[in-house]
């Protein structure tokens, strides 16, 4: 369990460090992500981005536990 938590922490740190580059590439603004902008209100629901992150994270954990 501790090994998994360390890996999760390292992945979160890596994504945080790489986030400006990932945003420039288009990650976080994929088709299927919902963006609602009004005069004094902005709502962003990253459905596709969340699914993609979940799939990648599940694949990484599956490979580690294999």
C-alpha atoms as a PDB file:
ATOM      1  CA  UNK A   1       0.000   0.000   0.000  1.00  0.00           C
ATOM      2  CA  UNK A   2       2.792   2.453   0.837  1.00  0.00           C
ATOM      3  CA  UNK A   3       4.482   1.775  -2.514  1.00  0.00           C
ATOM      4  CA  UNK A   4       1.257   2.639  -4.331  1.00  0.00           C
ATOM      5  CA  UNK A   5       0.837   5.864  -2.367  1.00  0.00           C
ATOM      6  CA  UNK A   6       4.403   6.910  -3.163  1.00  0.00           C
ATOM      7  CA  UNK A   7       3.839   6.246  -6.869  1.00  0.00           C
ATOM      8  CA  UNK A   8       0.543   8.167  -6.826  1.00  0.00           C
ATOM      9  CA  UNK A   9       2.301  11.079  -5.141  1.00  0.00           C
ATOM     10  CA  UNK A  10       5.097  11.077  -7.712  1.00  0.00           C
ATOM     11  CA  UNK A  11       2.589  10.989 -10.570  1.00  0.00           C
ATOM     12  CA  UNK A  12       0.722  13.961  -9.087  1.00  0.00           C
ATOM     13  CA  UNK A  13       3.981  15.903  -8.731  1.00  0.00           C
ATOM     14  CA  UNK A  14       4.980  15.053 -12.313  1.00  0.00           C
ATOM     15  CA  UNK A  15       1.625  16.202 -13.694  1.00  0.00           C
ATOM     16  CA  UNK A  16       1.890  19.405 -11.661  1.00  0.00           C
ATOM     17  CA  UNK A  17       5.331  20.140 -13.047  1.00  0.00           C
ATOM     18  CA  UNK A  18       4.332  19.294 -16.619  1.00  0.00           C
ATOM     19  CA  UNK A  19       0.924  21.026 -16.513  1.00  0.00           C
ATOM     20  CA  UNK A  20       1.969  24.228 -18.385  1.00  0.00           C
ATOM     21  CA  UNK A  21       3.351  22.113 -21.222  1.00  0.00           C
ATOM     22  CA  UNK A  22       0.326  19.806 -21.216  1.00  0.00           C
ATOM     23  CA  UNK A  23      -2.016  22.809 -21.406  1.00  0.00           C
ATOM     24  CA  UNK A  24      -0.122  24.154 -24.426  1.00  0.00           C
ATOM     25  CA  UNK A  25      -0.461  20.807 -26.194  1.00  0.00           C
ATOM     26  CA  UNK A  26      -4.230  20.860 -25.622  1.00  0.00           C
ATOM     27  CA  UNK A  27      -4.593  18.552 -22.651  1.00  0.00           C
ATOM     28  CA  UNK A  28      -7.426  19.874 -20.520  1.00  0.00           C
ATOM     29  CA  UNK A  29      -9.373  21.275 -23.494  1.00  0.00           C
ATOM     30  CA  UNK A  30     -10.292  18.053 -25.231  1.00  0.00           C
ATOM     31  CA  UNK A  31     -13.511  17.495 -27.188  1.00  0.00           C
ATOM     32  CA  UNK A  32     -16.111  16.381 -24.669  1.00  0.00           C
ATOM     33  CA  UNK A  33     -14.924  18.742 -21.937  1.00  0.00           C
ATOM     34  CA  UNK A  34     -17.726  21.135 -21.027  1.00  0.00           C
ATOM     35  CA  UNK A  35     -16.974  24.847 -20.708  1.00  0.00           C
ATOM     36  CA  UNK A  36     -19.727  27.289 -19.774  1.00  0.00           C
ATOM     37  CA  UNK A  37     -18.771  30.956 -19.717  1.00  0.00           C
ATOM     38  CA  UNK A  38     -21.154  33.688 -18.641  1.00  0.00           C
ATOM     39  CA  UNK A  39     -20.586  37.299 -17.688  1.00  0.00           C
ATOM     40  CA  UNK A  40     -19.587  36.659 -14.054  1.00  0.00           C
ATOM     41  CA  UNK A  41     -19.388  32.885 -14.082  1.00  0.00           C
ATOM     42  CA  UNK A  42     -17.178  30.205 -15.605  1.00  0.00           C
ATOM     43  CA  UNK A  43     -17.742  26.484 -15.179  1.00  0.00           C
ATOM     44  CA  UNK A  44     -15.385  23.844 -16.563  1.00  0.00           C
ATOM     45  CA  UNK A  45     -16.238  20.119 -16.396  1.00  0.00           C
ATOM     46  CA  UNK A  46     -13.358  18.020 -17.802  1.00  0.00           C
ATOM     47  CA  UNK A  47     -15.255  14.813 -18.649  1.00  0.00           C
ATOM     48  CA  UNK A  48     -13.003  13.580 -21.459  1.00  0.00           C
ATOM     49  CA  UNK A  49      -9.830  14.657 -19.689  1.00  0.00           C
ATOM     50  CA  UNK A  50     -10.932  12.822 -16.552  1.00  0.00           C
ATOM     51  CA  UNK A  51     -11.655   9.652 -18.510  1.00  0.00           C
ATOM     52  CA  UNK A  52      -8.283   9.825 -20.239  1.00  0.00           C
ATOM     53  CA  UNK A  53      -6.425  10.359 -16.951  1.00  0.00           C
ATOM     54  CA  UNK A  54      -8.356   7.485 -15.371  1.00  0.00           C
ATOM     55  CA  UNK A  55      -7.493   5.104 -18.202  1.00  0.00           C
ATOM     56  CA  UNK A  56      -3.802   6.037 -18.158  1.00  0.00           C
ATOM     57  CA  UNK A  57      -3.621   5.815 -14.363  1.00  0.00           C
ATOM     58  CA  UNK A  58      -5.365   2.411 -14.366  1.00  0.00           C
ATOM     59  CA  UNK A  59      -2.975   1.145 -17.023  1.00  0.00           C
ATOM     60  CA  UNK A  60       0.061   2.318 -15.034  1.00  0.00           C
ATOM     61  CA  UNK A  61      -1.195   0.658 -11.848  1.00  0.00           C
ATOM     62  CA  UNK A  62      -1.997  -2.532 -13.752  1.00  0.00           C
ATOM     63  CA  UNK A  63       1.542  -2.634 -15.174  1.00  0.00           C
ATOM     64  CA  UNK A  64       3.091  -2.003 -11.750  1.00  0.00           C
ATOM     65  CA  UNK A  65       1.075  -4.762 -10.050  1.00  0.00           C
ATOM     66  CA  UNK A  66       1.708  -7.242 -12.851  1.00  0.00           C
END
